[in-house]
């Protein structure tokens, strides 16, 4: 006799897989923001450095590099712990990002701490 999933079990599995998929998608979105920042594109993660290049606009300092140390997701929220470096300066960045169903940033909070010269 072949085993088949019962309807309640199928619903629970669907919910678990959907939640996992959303967490993974949201983690990928945060890592995409890190990659964009490393290409010199200003975004939420690089907002502290926007305009520091002396242009007064949204330009980022030459050589700004974000290194993700950990990325944790729970529900629609993702917490990124990263190291940022520009020249000899280094910072620790902890950011919490929440995403809506379409993958847009719904809320953002961060904490930036200078680590001194690297």
C-alpha atoms as a PDB file:
ATOM      1  CA  UNK A   1       0.000   0.000   0.000  1.00  0.00           C
ATOM      2  CA  UNK A   2       1.420   3.376  -1.000  1.00  0.00           C
ATOM      3  CA  UNK A   3       1.392   6.015   1.695  1.00  0.00           C
ATOM      4  CA  UNK A   4      -0.233   9.324   0.886  1.00  0.00           C
ATOM      5  CA  UNK A   5      -0.104  12.623   2.689  1.00  0.00           C
ATOM      6  CA  UNK A   6      -3.247  13.491   4.540  1.00  0.00           C
ATOM      7  CA  UNK A   7      -4.777  16.900   3.927  1.00  0.00           C
ATOM      8  CA  UNK A   8      -3.872  18.372   7.359  1.00  0.00           C
ATOM      9  CA  UNK A   9      -0.309  17.122   7.055  1.00  0.00           C
ATOM     10  CA  UNK A  10      -0.030  18.519   3.527  1.00  0.00           C
ATOM     11  CA  UNK A  11      -1.172  21.914   4.800  1.00  0.00           C
ATOM     12  CA  UNK A  12       1.397  21.899   7.593  1.00  0.00           C
ATOM     13  CA  UNK A  13       4.190  20.876   5.223  1.00  0.00           C
ATOM     14  CA  UNK A  14       3.134  23.571   2.777  1.00  0.00           C
ATOM     15  CA  UNK A  15       3.259  26.214   5.531  1.00  0.00           C
ATOM     16  CA  UNK A  16       6.694  25.036   6.684  1.00  0.00           C
ATOM     17  CA  UNK A  17       8.118  24.996   3.163  1.00  0.00           C
ATOM     18  CA  UNK A  18       6.598  28.379   2.335  1.00  0.00           C
ATOM     19  CA  UNK A  19       8.026  29.942   5.503  1.00  0.00           C
ATOM     20  CA  UNK A  20      11.447  28.432   4.763  1.00  0.00           C
ATOM     21  CA  UNK A  21      11.316  29.692   1.174  1.00  0.00           C
ATOM     22  CA  UNK A  22      10.466  33.232   2.324  1.00  0.00           C
ATOM     23  CA  UNK A  23      13.286  33.225   4.893  1.00  0.00           C
ATOM     24  CA  UNK A  24      15.759  32.029   2.259  1.00  0.00           C
ATOM     25  CA  UNK A  25      14.497  34.600  -0.267  1.00  0.00           C
ATOM     26  CA  UNK A  26      14.842  37.390   2.288  1.00  0.00           C
ATOM     27  CA  UNK A  27      18.382  36.291   3.179  1.00  0.00           C
ATOM     28  CA  UNK A  28      19.249  36.332  -0.531  1.00  0.00           C
ATOM     29  CA  UNK A  29      17.803  39.856  -0.838  1.00  0.00           C
ATOM     30  CA  UNK A  30      20.045  41.076   2.001  1.00  0.00           C
ATOM     31  CA  UNK A  31      23.101  39.457   0.422  1.00  0.00           C
ATOM     32  CA  UNK A  32      22.155  41.117  -2.884  1.00  0.00           C
ATOM     33  CA  UNK A  33      22.153  44.494  -1.072  1.00  0.00           C
ATOM     34  CA  UNK A  34      25.633  43.681   0.285  1.00  0.00           C
ATOM     35  CA  UNK A  35      26.848  42.825  -3.236  1.00  0.00           C
ATOM     36  CA  UNK A  36      25.322  46.031  -4.639  1.00  0.00           C
ATOM     37  CA  UNK A  37      27.047  48.078  -1.942  1.00  0.00           C
ATOM     38  CA  UNK A  38      30.338  46.398  -2.798  1.00  0.00           C
ATOM     39  CA  UNK A  39      29.806  47.470  -6.424  1.00  0.00           C
ATOM     40  CA  UNK A  40      29.481  51.066  -5.221  1.00  0.00           C
ATOM     41  CA  UNK A  41      25.686  51.272  -5.378  1.00  0.00           C
ATOM     42  CA  UNK A  42      24.094  53.234  -2.535  1.00  0.00           C
ATOM     43  CA  UNK A  43      21.314  51.425  -0.651  1.00  0.00           C
ATOM     44  CA  UNK A  44      19.980  51.022   2.903  1.00  0.00           C
ATOM     45  CA  UNK A  45      23.092  49.162   4.055  1.00  0.00           C
ATOM     46  CA  UNK A  46      25.474  51.824   2.737  1.00  0.00           C
ATOM     47  CA  UNK A  47      23.456  54.901   3.734  1.00  0.00           C
ATOM     48  CA  UNK A  48      25.936  55.855   6.496  1.00  0.00           C
ATOM     49  CA  UNK A  49      28.661  56.371   3.901  1.00  0.00           C
ATOM     50  CA  UNK A  50      26.590  57.950   1.101  1.00  0.00           C
ATOM     51  CA  UNK A  51      27.956  61.382   0.279  1.00  0.00           C
ATOM     52  CA  UNK A  52      31.271  60.807   2.086  1.00  0.00           C
ATOM     53  CA  UNK A  53      33.090  60.658  -1.224  1.00  0.00           C
ATOM     54  CA  UNK A  54      32.974  64.465  -1.281  1.00  0.00           C
ATOM     55  CA  UNK A  55      30.378  64.782  -4.023  1.00  0.00           C
ATOM     56  CA  UNK A  56      27.496  65.706  -1.730  1.00  0.00           C
ATOM     57  CA  UNK A  57      25.359  63.124  -3.514  1.00  0.00           C
ATOM     58  CA  UNK A  58      24.796  59.410  -3.021  1.00  0.00           C
ATOM     59  CA  UNK A  59      28.341  58.382  -4.013  1.00  0.00           C
ATOM     60  CA  UNK A  60      30.154  55.954  -1.731  1.00  0.00           C
ATOM     61  CA  UNK A  61      33.789  56.182  -0.622  1.00  0.00           C
ATOM     62  CA  UNK A  62      36.260  54.483  -2.936  1.00  0.00           C
ATOM     63  CA  UNK A  63      36.927  50.943  -1.806  1.00  0.00           C
ATOM     64  CA  UNK A  64      34.031  50.602   0.644  1.00  0.00           C
ATOM     65  CA  UNK A  65      33.653  46.876   1.254  1.00  0.00           C
ATOM     66  CA  UNK A  66      30.984  45.059   3.246  1.00  0.00           C
ATOM     67  CA  UNK A  67      31.750  41.560   4.487  1.00  0.00           C
ATOM     68  CA  UNK A  68      28.762  39.623   5.824  1.00  0.00           C
ATOM     69  CA  UNK A  69      29.692  37.800   9.031  1.00  0.00           C
ATOM     70  CA  UNK A  70      26.255  36.256   9.661  1.00  0.00           C
ATOM     71  CA  UNK A  71      22.765  36.432   8.183  1.00  0.00           C
ATOM     72  CA  UNK A  72      19.847  35.170  10.274  1.00  0.00           C
ATOM     73  CA  UNK A  73      16.207  35.085   9.212  1.00  0.00           C
ATOM     74  CA  UNK A  74      13.029  34.634  11.213  1.00  0.00           C
ATOM     75  CA  UNK A  75       9.658  35.255   9.669  1.00  0.00           C
ATOM     76  CA  UNK A  76       9.878  38.305   7.424  1.00  0.00           C
ATOM     77  CA  UNK A  77      12.880  39.759   9.306  1.00  0.00           C
ATOM     78  CA  UNK A  78      16.560  39.283   8.498  1.00  0.00           C
ATOM     79  CA  UNK A  79      19.436  40.330  10.726  1.00  0.00           C
ATOM     80  CA  UNK A  80      22.784  40.991   9.070  1.00  0.00           C
ATOM     81  CA  UNK A  81      26.020  41.279  11.019  1.00  0.00           C
ATOM     82  CA  UNK A  82      28.733  42.661   8.772  1.00  0.00           C
ATOM     83  CA  UNK A  83      32.136  44.301   8.777  1.00  0.00           C
ATOM     84  CA  UNK A  84      32.546  47.420   6.647  1.00  0.00           C
ATOM     85  CA  UNK A  85      35.931  48.742   5.573  1.00  0.00           C
ATOM     86  CA  UNK A  86      36.991  51.825   3.651  1.00  0.00           C
ATOM     87  CA  UNK A  87      40.685  52.541   3.522  1.00  0.00           C
ATOM     88  CA  UNK A  88      42.088  51.948   7.016  1.00  0.00           C
ATOM     89  CA  UNK A  89      38.763  52.540   8.786  1.00  0.00           C
ATOM     90  CA  UNK A  90      36.540  49.657   9.875  1.00  0.00           C
ATOM     91  CA  UNK A  91      33.028  49.439  11.316  1.00  0.00           C
ATOM     92  CA  UNK A  92      30.725  46.758  12.679  1.00  0.00           C
ATOM     93  CA  UNK A  93      27.243  46.943  11.184  1.00  0.00           C
ATOM     94  CA  UNK A  94      24.208  45.149  12.581  1.00  0.00           C
ATOM     95  CA  UNK A  95      21.080  45.669  10.488  1.00  0.00           C
ATOM     96  CA  UNK A  96      17.562  44.290  10.752  1.00  0.00           C
ATOM     97  CA  UNK A  97      15.516  44.369   7.577  1.00  0.00           C
ATOM     98  CA  UNK A  98      11.872  43.369   7.200  1.00  0.00           C
ATOM     99  CA  UNK A  99      10.422  42.519   3.821  1.00  0.00           C
ATOM    100  CA  UNK A 100       6.891  42.580   2.466  1.00  0.00           C
ATOM    101  CA  UNK A 101       5.382  39.824   0.311  1.00  0.00           C
ATOM    102  CA  UNK A 102       6.782  41.423  -2.864  1.00  0.00           C
ATOM    103  CA  UNK A 103      10.326  41.455  -1.479  1.00  0.00           C
ATOM    104  CA  UNK A 104      10.494  45.206  -0.834  1.00  0.00           C
ATOM    105  CA  UNK A 105      12.016  46.552   2.363  1.00  0.00           C
ATOM    106  CA  UNK A 106       9.155  47.196   4.794  1.00  0.00           C
ATOM    107  CA  UNK A 107      11.292  48.284   7.751  1.00  0.00           C
ATOM    108  CA  UNK A 108      14.964  48.878   8.453  1.00  0.00           C
ATOM    109  CA  UNK A 109      16.943  49.464  11.645  1.00  0.00           C
ATOM    110  CA  UNK A 110      20.683  49.376  12.081  1.00  0.00           C
ATOM    111  CA  UNK A 111      23.529  50.026  14.455  1.00  0.00           C
ATOM    112  CA  UNK A 112      26.968  51.085  13.268  1.00  0.00           C
ATOM    113  CA  UNK A 113      30.003  51.001  15.544  1.00  0.00           C
ATOM    114  CA  UNK A 114      33.424  52.306  14.528  1.00  0.00           C
ATOM    115  CA  UNK A 115      36.200  49.774  15.092  1.00  0.00           C
ATOM    116  CA  UNK A 116      39.103  52.125  14.477  1.00  0.00           C
ATOM    117  CA  UNK A 117      41.925  51.691  11.984  1.00  0.00           C
ATOM    118  CA  UNK A 118      42.349  48.237  10.525  1.00  0.00           C
END
